[in-house]
PDB file of N, CA and C in Angstrom:
ATOM      1  N   MET A   1      76.553 135.917  93.353  1.00  0.00           N
ATOM      2  CA  MET A   1      77.294 135.745  92.890  1.00  0.00           C
ATOM      3  C   MET A   1      78.289 134.920  94.303  1.00  0.00           C
ATOM      4  N   LEU A   2      79.178 134.257  93.609  1.00  0.00           N
ATOM      5  CA  LEU A   2      80.201 134.162  94.359  1.00  0.00           C
ATOM      6  C   LEU A   2      80.957 134.856  94.617  1.00  0.00           C
ATOM      7  N   THR A   3      82.061 135.380  96.182  1.00  0.00           N
ATOM      8  CA  THR A   3      83.032 135.913  95.930  1.00  0.00           C
ATOM      9  C   THR A   3      84.045 135.292  96.463  1.00  0.00           C
ATOM     10  N   ARG A   4      85.409 136.173  97.005  1.00  0.00           N
ATOM     11  CA  ARG A   4      85.980 135.612  97.524  1.00  0.00           C
ATOM     12  C   ARG A   4      87.362 136.883  97.901  1.00  0.00           C
ATOM     13  N   SER A   5      88.514 136.452  99.254  1.00  0.00           N
ATOM     14  CA  SER A   5      89.104 138.347  99.813  1.00  0.00           C
ATOM     15  C   SER A   5      89.908 136.798  99.753  1.00  0.00           C
ATOM     16  N   HIS A   6      91.036 137.998  99.481  1.00  0.00           N
ATOM     17  CA  HIS A   6      92.655 137.831  99.135  1.00  0.00           C
ATOM     18  C   HIS A   6      92.884 139.096 100.295  1.00  0.00           C
ATOM     19  N   ARG A   7      93.627 138.653 101.837  1.00  0.00           N
ATOM     20  CA  ARG A   7      93.950 140.020 102.341  1.00  0.00           C
ATOM     21  C   ARG A   7      95.905 140.046 102.713  1.00  0.00           C
ATOM     22  N   THR A   8      95.983 140.559 102.530  1.00  0.00           N
ATOM     23  CA  THR A   8      98.225 140.956 102.927  1.00  0.00           C
ATOM     24  C   THR A   8      98.588 142.245 103.271  1.00  0.00           C
ATOM     25  N   THR A   9      99.436 142.063 104.116  1.00  0.00           N
ATOM     26  CA  THR A   9     100.502 143.536 104.659  1.00  0.00           C
ATOM     27  C   THR A   9     101.449 143.924 103.726  1.00  0.00           C
ATOM     28  N   VAL A  10     101.722 144.997 103.503  1.00  0.00           N
ATOM     29  CA  VAL A  10     102.723 145.912 102.675  1.00  0.00           C
ATOM     30  C   VAL A  10     102.989 146.207 104.122  1.00  0.00           C
ATOM     31  N   VAL A  11     104.428 147.002 103.190  1.00  0.00           N
ATOM     32  CA  VAL A  11     104.688 148.282 104.359  1.00  0.00           C
ATOM     33  C   VAL A  11     105.613 149.008 103.763  1.00  0.00           C
ATOM     34  N   PHE A  12     105.550 150.429 103.926  1.00  0.00           N
ATOM     35  CA  PHE A  12     106.100 151.516 103.737  1.00  0.00           C
ATOM     36  C   PHE A  12     106.522 152.221 104.730  1.00  0.00           C
ATOM     37  N   ARG A  13     107.939 152.706 103.685  1.00  0.00           N
ATOM     38  CA  ARG A  13     108.855 153.133 104.875  1.00  0.00           C
ATOM     39  C   ARG A  13     109.242 154.201 104.896  1.00  0.00           C
ATOM     40  N   ARG A  14     108.861 155.010 103.843  1.00  0.00           N
ATOM     41  CA  ARG A  14     108.696 156.514 103.627  1.00  0.00           C
ATOM     42  C   ARG A  14     106.641 156.806 103.215  1.00  0.00           C
ATOM     43  N   PRO A  15     106.466 157.952 104.154  1.00  0.00           N
ATOM     44  CA  PRO A  15     105.145 159.016 103.537  1.00  0.00           C
ATOM     45  C   PRO A  15     105.242 158.359 102.511  1.00  0.00           C
ATOM     46  N   PHE A  16     103.857 158.411 102.262  1.00  0.00           N
ATOM     47  CA  PHE A  16     103.012 158.198 100.020  1.00  0.00           C
ATOM     48  C   PHE A  16     101.618 158.435 100.205  1.00  0.00           C
ATOM     49  N   MET A  17     101.875 158.847  98.743  1.00  0.00           N
ATOM     50  CA  MET A  17     100.323 159.291  98.419  1.00  0.00           C
ATOM     51  C   MET A  17      99.777 159.129  97.212  1.00  0.00           C
ATOM     52  N   LEU A  18      98.662 158.602  97.344  1.00  0.00           N
ATOM     53  CA  LEU A  18      98.015 157.716  95.759  1.00  0.00           C
ATOM     54  C   LEU A  18      96.834 158.238  95.177  1.00  0.00           C
ATOM     55  N   ALA A  19      96.394 158.523  94.834  1.00  0.00           N
ATOM     56  CA  ALA A  19      95.083 159.322  93.964  1.00  0.00           C
ATOM     57  C   ALA A  19      93.840 158.792  95.082  1.00  0.00           C
ATOM     58  N   GLY A  20      92.946 159.984  95.676  1.00  0.00           N
ATOM     59  CA  GLY A  20      92.234 160.058  96.171  1.00  0.00           C
ATOM     60  C   GLY A  20      92.243 159.931  97.579  1.00  0.00           C
ATOM     61  N   PHE A  21      93.524 160.129  97.887  1.00  0.00           N
ATOM     62  CA  PHE A  21      94.042 160.575  99.493  1.00  0.00           C
ATOM     63  C   PHE A  21      93.912 161.878  99.455  1.00  0.00           C
ATOM     64  N   ASP A  22      93.691 162.955 100.568  1.00  0.00           N
ATOM     65  CA  ASP A  22      93.337 163.975 100.465  1.00  0.00           C
ATOM     66  C   ASP A  22      95.250 164.490 101.316  1.00  0.00           C
ATOM     67  N   ARG A  23      96.020 163.789 102.078  1.00  0.00           N
ATOM     68  CA  ARG A  23      96.538 163.739 102.276  1.00  0.00           C
ATOM     69  C   ARG A  23      98.057 162.426 102.149  1.00  0.00           C
ATOM     70  N   PRO A  24      99.198 162.928 102.152  1.00  0.00           N
ATOM     71  CA  PRO A  24     100.008 161.814 102.098  1.00  0.00           C
ATOM     72  C   PRO A  24     100.093 161.429 103.300  1.00  0.00           C
ATOM     73  N   GLN A  25     100.369 159.451 103.365  1.00  0.00           N
ATOM     74  CA  GLN A  25      99.668 158.255 103.808  1.00  0.00           C
ATOM     75  C   GLN A  25     101.619 158.271 105.173  1.00  0.00           C
ATOM     76  N   PRO A  26     100.665 158.481 106.092  1.00  0.00           N
ATOM     77  CA  PRO A  26     102.384 158.165 106.701  1.00  0.00           C
ATOM     78  C   PRO A  26     102.876 156.491 106.710  1.00  0.00           C
ATOM     79  N   ALA A  27     104.457 156.258 106.784  1.00  0.00           N
ATOM     80  CA  ALA A  27     105.483 155.362 106.493  1.00  0.00           C
ATOM     81  C   ALA A  27     104.561 154.061 107.894  1.00  0.00           C
ATOM     82  N   GLY A  28     104.381 153.109 107.321  1.00  0.00           N
ATOM     83  CA  GLY A  28     103.860 151.823 108.375  1.00  0.00           C
ATOM     84  C   GLY A  28     103.151 150.659 107.897  1.00  0.00           C
ATOM     85  N   THR A  29     102.704 150.157 108.050  1.00  0.00           N
ATOM     86  CA  THR A  29     102.376 148.592 108.086  1.00  0.00           C
ATOM     87  C   THR A  29     100.639 149.065 107.716  1.00  0.00           C
ATOM     88  N   TYR A  30     100.586 148.651 106.700  1.00  0.00           N
ATOM     89  CA  TYR A  30      99.268 148.618 106.021  1.00  0.00           C
ATOM     90  C   TYR A  30      98.549 147.639 105.750  1.00  0.00           C
ATOM     91  N   ASP A  31      96.889 147.361 106.266  1.00  0.00           N
ATOM     92  CA  ASP A  31      96.511 145.625 105.794  1.00  0.00           C
ATOM     93  C   ASP A  31      95.675 146.071 104.095  1.00  0.00           C
ATOM     94  N   VAL A  32      95.579 144.908 103.300  1.00  0.00           N
ATOM     95  CA  VAL A  32      95.094 145.409 101.727  1.00  0.00           C
ATOM     96  C   VAL A  32      94.382 144.302 101.881  1.00  0.00           C
ATOM     97  N   GLU A  33      92.720 144.186 101.678  1.00  0.00           N
ATOM     98  CA  GLU A  33      92.729 143.624 101.637  1.00  0.00           C
ATOM     99  C   GLU A  33      91.308 143.610  99.567  1.00  0.00           C
ATOM    100  N   THR A  34      91.324 142.374  98.566  1.00  0.00           N
ATOM    101  CA  THR A  34      90.740 142.095  97.627  1.00  0.00           C
ATOM    102  C   THR A  34      89.704 141.842  97.341  1.00  0.00           C
ATOM    103  N   GLU A  35      88.821 142.323  97.143  1.00  0.00           N
ATOM    104  CA  GLU A  35      87.853 141.357  97.116  1.00  0.00           C
ATOM    105  C   GLU A  35      87.120 141.053  95.629  1.00  0.00           C
ATOM    106  N   GLU A  36      87.137 139.499  94.928  1.00  0.00           N
ATOM    107  CA  GLU A  36      86.897 139.156  93.621  1.00  0.00           C
ATOM    108  C   GLU A  36      85.328 138.541  93.611  1.00  0.00           C
ATOM    109  N   GLU A  37      85.102 138.552  92.954  1.00  0.00           N
ATOM    110  CA  GLU A  37      83.568 137.621  92.471  1.00  0.00           C
ATOM    111  C   GLU A  37      83.517 136.894  90.669  1.00  0.00           C
ATOM    112  N   LEU A  38      83.435 135.378  91.299  1.00  0.00           N
ATOM    113  CA  LEU A  38      83.362 135.078  89.628  1.00  0.00           C
ATOM    114  C   LEU A  38      82.195 135.353  88.606  1.00  0.00           C
ATOM    115  N   LEU A  39      83.113 135.141  87.973  1.00  0.00           N
ATOM    116  CA  LEU A  39      82.790 134.935  86.227  1.00  0.00           C
ATOM    117  C   LEU A  39      81.705 134.159  86.023  1.00  0.00           C
ATOM    118  N   GLU A  40      80.132 134.272  85.955  1.00  0.00           N
ATOM    119  CA  GLU A  40      79.685 132.996  85.716  1.00  0.00           C
ATOM    120  C   GLU A  40      79.790 132.875  83.908  1.00  0.00           C
ATOM    121  N   GLY A  41      79.536 131.539  84.103  1.00  0.00           N
ATOM    122  CA  GLY A  41      79.184 131.157  82.335  1.00  0.00           C
ATOM    123  C   GLY A  41      80.493 130.440  81.574  1.00  0.00           C
ATOM    124  N   LEU A  42      81.416 130.326  82.308  1.00  0.00           N
ATOM    125  CA  LEU A  42      82.547 129.628  81.998  1.00  0.00           C
ATOM    126  C   LEU A  42      83.038 128.547  82.382  1.00  0.00           C
ATOM    127  N   SER A  43      83.514 127.878  80.939  1.00  0.00           N
ATOM    128  CA  SER A  43      84.155 126.462  81.546  1.00  0.00           C
ATOM    129  C   SER A  43      85.247 126.330  82.543  1.00  0.00           C
ATOM    130  N   PHE A  44      85.660 127.341  83.347  1.00  0.00           N
ATOM    131  CA  PHE A  44      86.608 127.071  84.732  1.00  0.00           C
ATOM    132  C   PHE A  44      86.671 128.865  85.181  1.00  0.00           C
ATOM    133  N   PRO A  45      86.630 127.945  86.117  1.00  0.00           N
ATOM    134  CA  PRO A  45      86.370 129.279  86.846  1.00  0.00           C
ATOM    135  C   PRO A  45      87.885 129.883  86.964  1.00  0.00           C
ATOM    136  N   ALA A  46      87.019 131.671  86.649  1.00  0.00           N
ATOM    137  CA  ALA A  46      87.537 133.575  86.448  1.00  0.00           C
ATOM    138  C   ALA A  46      87.286 134.006  87.511  1.00  0.00           C
ATOM    139  N   TYR A  47      88.079 134.631  87.792  1.00  0.00           N
ATOM    140  CA  TYR A  47      86.994 135.798  88.563  1.00  0.00           C
ATOM    141  C   TYR A  47      87.522 136.851  88.951  1.00  0.00           C
ATOM    142  N   ARG A  48      87.065 137.935  88.995  1.00  0.00           N
ATOM    143  CA  ARG A  48      87.281 139.762  88.690  1.00  0.00           C
ATOM    144  C   ARG A  48      87.853 140.329  89.813  1.00  0.00           C
ATOM    145  N   ARG A  49      88.349 141.470  90.055  1.00  0.00           N
ATOM    146  CA  ARG A  49      88.695 142.118  91.027  1.00  0.00           C
ATOM    147  C   ARG A  49      87.261 143.060  91.161  1.00  0.00           C
ATOM    148  N   VAL A  50      86.798 143.537  91.979  1.00  0.00           N
ATOM    149  CA  VAL A  50      85.543 144.386  92.223  1.00  0.00           C
ATOM    150  C   VAL A  50      86.235 145.652  93.200  1.00  0.00           C
ATOM    151  N   ALA A  51      87.077 145.199  93.984  1.00  0.00           N
ATOM    152  CA  ALA A  51      87.225 146.263  94.712  1.00  0.00           C
ATOM    153  C   ALA A  51      88.989 145.589  95.605  1.00  0.00           C
ATOM    154  N   THR A  52      89.964 147.127  96.257  1.00  0.00           N
ATOM    155  CA  THR A  52      90.594 146.115  96.296  1.00  0.00           C
ATOM    156  C   THR A  52      90.846 147.260  98.110  1.00  0.00           C
ATOM    157  N   VAL A  53      90.797 147.446  99.163  1.00  0.00           N
ATOM    158  CA  VAL A  53      91.005 148.448 100.026  1.00  0.00           C
ATOM    159  C   VAL A  53      91.841 148.521 101.066  1.00  0.00           C
ATOM    160  N   MET A  54      92.373 149.484 101.656  1.00  0.00           N
ATOM    161  CA  MET A  54      93.652 149.342 102.396  1.00  0.00           C
ATOM    162  C   MET A  54      93.411 150.260 103.570  1.00  0.00           C
ATOM    163  N   THR A  55      93.676 149.173 104.485  1.00  0.00           N
ATOM    164  CA  THR A  55      93.781 149.915 105.897  1.00  0.00           C
ATOM    165  C   THR A  55      94.898 150.102 106.673  1.00  0.00           C
ATOM    166  N   PRO A  56      95.435 151.124 108.054  1.00  0.00           N
ATOM    167  CA  PRO A  56      96.234 151.512 108.602  1.00  0.00           C
ATOM    168  C   PRO A  56      96.367 150.599 109.628  1.00  0.00           C
ATOM    169  N   ARG A  57      97.212 149.931 110.172  1.00  0.00           N
ATOM    170  CA  ARG A  57      97.538 148.773 111.548  1.00  0.00           C
ATOM    171  C   ARG A  57      97.219 150.116 112.056  1.00  0.00           C
ATOM    172  N   ALA A  58      96.774 149.835 113.611  1.00  0.00           N
ATOM    173  CA  ALA A  58      96.077 150.599 114.889  1.00  0.00           C
ATOM    174  C   ALA A  58      97.673 150.822 115.309  1.00  0.00           C
ATOM    175  N   ARG A  59      98.058 152.027 115.655  1.00  0.00           N
ATOM    176  CA  ARG A  59      99.190 152.311 116.483  1.00  0.00           C
ATOM    177  C   ARG A  59      98.672 152.236 118.194  1.00  0.00           C
ATOM    178  N   GLN A  60      97.827 152.631 118.540  1.00  0.00           N
ATOM    179  CA  GLN A  60      97.416 152.019 120.295  1.00  0.00           C
ATOM    180  C   GLN A  60      95.793 151.881 119.622  1.00  0.00           C
ATOM    181  N   PRO A  61      96.095 151.129 120.747  1.00  0.00           N
ATOM    182  CA  PRO A  61      94.680 150.654 120.962  1.00  0.00           C
ATOM    183  C   PRO A  61      93.283 151.325 121.182  1.00  0.00           C
ATOM    184  N   GLY A  62      91.783 151.026 120.339  1.00  0.00           N
ATOM    185  CA  GLY A  62      90.704 151.629 120.372  1.00  0.00           C
ATOM    186  C   GLY A  62      90.896 153.481 118.974  1.00  0.00           C
ATOM    187  N   ALA A  63      92.228 153.223 118.152  1.00  0.00           N
ATOM    188  CA  ALA A  63      92.283 154.050 117.606  1.00  0.00           C
ATOM    189  C   ALA A  63      91.091 154.218 116.488  1.00  0.00           C
ATOM    190  N   LEU A  64      90.733 154.541 115.871  1.00  0.00           N
ATOM    191  CA  LEU A  64      89.954 154.829 114.783  1.00  0.00           C
ATOM    192  C   LEU A  64      90.662 154.555 113.713  1.00  0.00           C
ATOM    193  N   LEU A  65      90.052 153.571 112.614  1.00  0.00           N
ATOM    194  CA  LEU A  65      90.591 153.626 111.534  1.00  0.00           C
ATOM    195  C   LEU A  65      89.988 153.944 110.205  1.00  0.00           C
ATOM    196  N   GLN A  66      90.573 153.998 109.260  1.00  0.00           N
ATOM    197  CA  GLN A  66      89.945 154.762 107.612  1.00  0.00           C
ATOM    198  C   GLN A  66      89.925 153.901 106.341  1.00  0.00           C
ATOM    199  N   ALA A  67      88.900 153.041 106.823  1.00  0.00           N
ATOM    200  CA  ALA A  67      89.720 152.049 105.222  1.00  0.00           C
ATOM    201  C   ALA A  67      89.535 153.064 103.785  1.00  0.00           C
ATOM    202  N   LEU A  68      90.188 152.575 102.960  1.00  0.00           N
ATOM    203  CA  LEU A  68      90.595 153.843 101.870  1.00  0.00           C
ATOM    204  C   LEU A  68      90.409 152.958 100.474  1.00  0.00           C
ATOM    205  N   ALA A  69      89.635 153.247  99.364  1.00  0.00           N
ATOM    206  CA  ALA A  69      89.752 152.188  98.195  1.00  0.00           C
ATOM    207  C   ALA A  69      91.016 152.785  97.090  1.00  0.00           C
ATOM    208  N   VAL A  70      91.872 151.140  96.831  1.00  0.00           N
ATOM    209  CA  VAL A  70      92.789 152.704  96.128  1.00  0.00           C
ATOM    210  C   VAL A  70      93.155 151.261  94.847  1.00  0.00           C
ATOM    211  N   ASP A  71      93.553 152.189  93.979  1.00  0.00           N
ATOM    212  CA  ASP A  71      93.921 151.016  92.342  1.00  0.00           C
ATOM    213  C   ASP A  71      94.918 150.319  92.811  1.00  0.00           C
ATOM    214  N   PRO A  72      94.971 148.890  92.186  1.00  0.00           N
ATOM    215  CA  PRO A  72      95.768 147.733  92.682  1.00  0.00           C
ATOM    216  C   PRO A  72      97.271 148.192  92.203  1.00  0.00           C
ATOM    217  N   GLY A  73      97.099 148.601  90.888  1.00  0.00           N
ATOM    218  CA  GLY A  73      98.696 149.511  90.071  1.00  0.00           C
ATOM    219  C   GLY A  73      99.019 150.386  90.685  1.00  0.00           C
ATOM    220  N   GLU A  74      98.583 151.302  90.792  1.00  0.00           N
ATOM    221  CA  GLU A  74      98.653 152.730  91.532  1.00  0.00           C
ATOM    222  C   GLU A  74     100.094 152.010  92.927  1.00  0.00           C
ATOM    223  N   LEU A  75      98.824 151.107  93.849  1.00  0.00           N
ATOM    224  CA  LEU A  75      99.625 150.254  95.251  1.00  0.00           C
ATOM    225  C   LEU A  75     100.888 150.111  94.419  1.00  0.00           C
ATOM    226  N   ASP A  76     101.160 149.057  93.391  1.00  0.00           N
ATOM    227  CA  ASP A  76     102.200 148.030  93.036  1.00  0.00           C
ATOM    228  C   ASP A  76     103.092 149.489  92.650  1.00  0.00           C
ATOM    229  N   ARG A  77     102.704 150.553  92.148  1.00  0.00           N
ATOM    230  CA  ARG A  77     103.520 151.399  91.824  1.00  0.00           C
ATOM    231  C   ARG A  77     103.865 152.226  92.650  1.00  0.00           C
ATOM    232  N   ALA A  78     103.934 152.856  94.184  1.00  0.00           N
ATOM    233  CA  ALA A  78     103.743 153.120  95.046  1.00  0.00           C
ATOM    234  C   ALA A  78     105.135 152.096  95.911  1.00  0.00           C
ATOM    235  N   LEU A  79     104.341 151.176  96.255  1.00  0.00           N
ATOM    236  CA  LEU A  79     105.485 149.812  96.816  1.00  0.00           C
ATOM    237  C   LEU A  79     107.103 149.777  96.033  1.00  0.00           C
ATOM    238  N   ALA A  80     106.425 150.591  94.371  1.00  0.00           N
ATOM    239  CA  ALA A  80     108.062 149.767  93.966  1.00  0.00           C
ATOM    240  C   ALA A  80     109.167 151.284  94.723  1.00  0.00           C
ATOM    241  N   SER A  81     108.219 152.252  94.384  1.00  0.00           N
ATOM    242  CA  SER A  81     109.130 153.558  94.061  1.00  0.00           C
ATOM    243  C   SER A  81     109.660 153.362  95.824  1.00  0.00           C
ATOM    244  N   ASP A  82     109.001 152.682  97.354  1.00  0.00           N
ATOM    245  CA  ASP A  82     109.462 152.908  97.985  1.00  0.00           C
ATOM    246  C   ASP A  82     110.722 152.136  98.566  1.00  0.00           C
ATOM    247  N   ARG A  83     110.738 151.571  97.654  1.00  0.00           N
ATOM    248  CA  ARG A  83     112.047 149.953  97.836  1.00  0.00           C
ATOM    249  C   ARG A  83     112.846 150.720  97.803  1.00  0.00           C
ATOM    250  N   GLU A  84     112.700 151.882  96.277  1.00  0.00           N
ATOM    251  CA  GLU A  84     114.247 151.999  96.031  1.00  0.00           C
ATOM    252  C   GLU A  84     115.034 153.449  96.214  1.00  0.00           C
TER     253      GLU A  84
END
């Protein structure tokens, strides 16, 4: 199955909380990667999202980072709330 990935960067100005997190995440810059797979058998190319993962940017060299699976809709709502 063919897959493709998209990377983007998001910035939170304030601490935030998403489902599945055990504590609020600090304000800062996060990398978001979305993986999609090609839906086969169609007469046109179409993709389905299979995973969205968010990783904080390292604040110091050699820091350990944890990638967290997130719901894209919830992430969008958290970003909109952060901008208010």
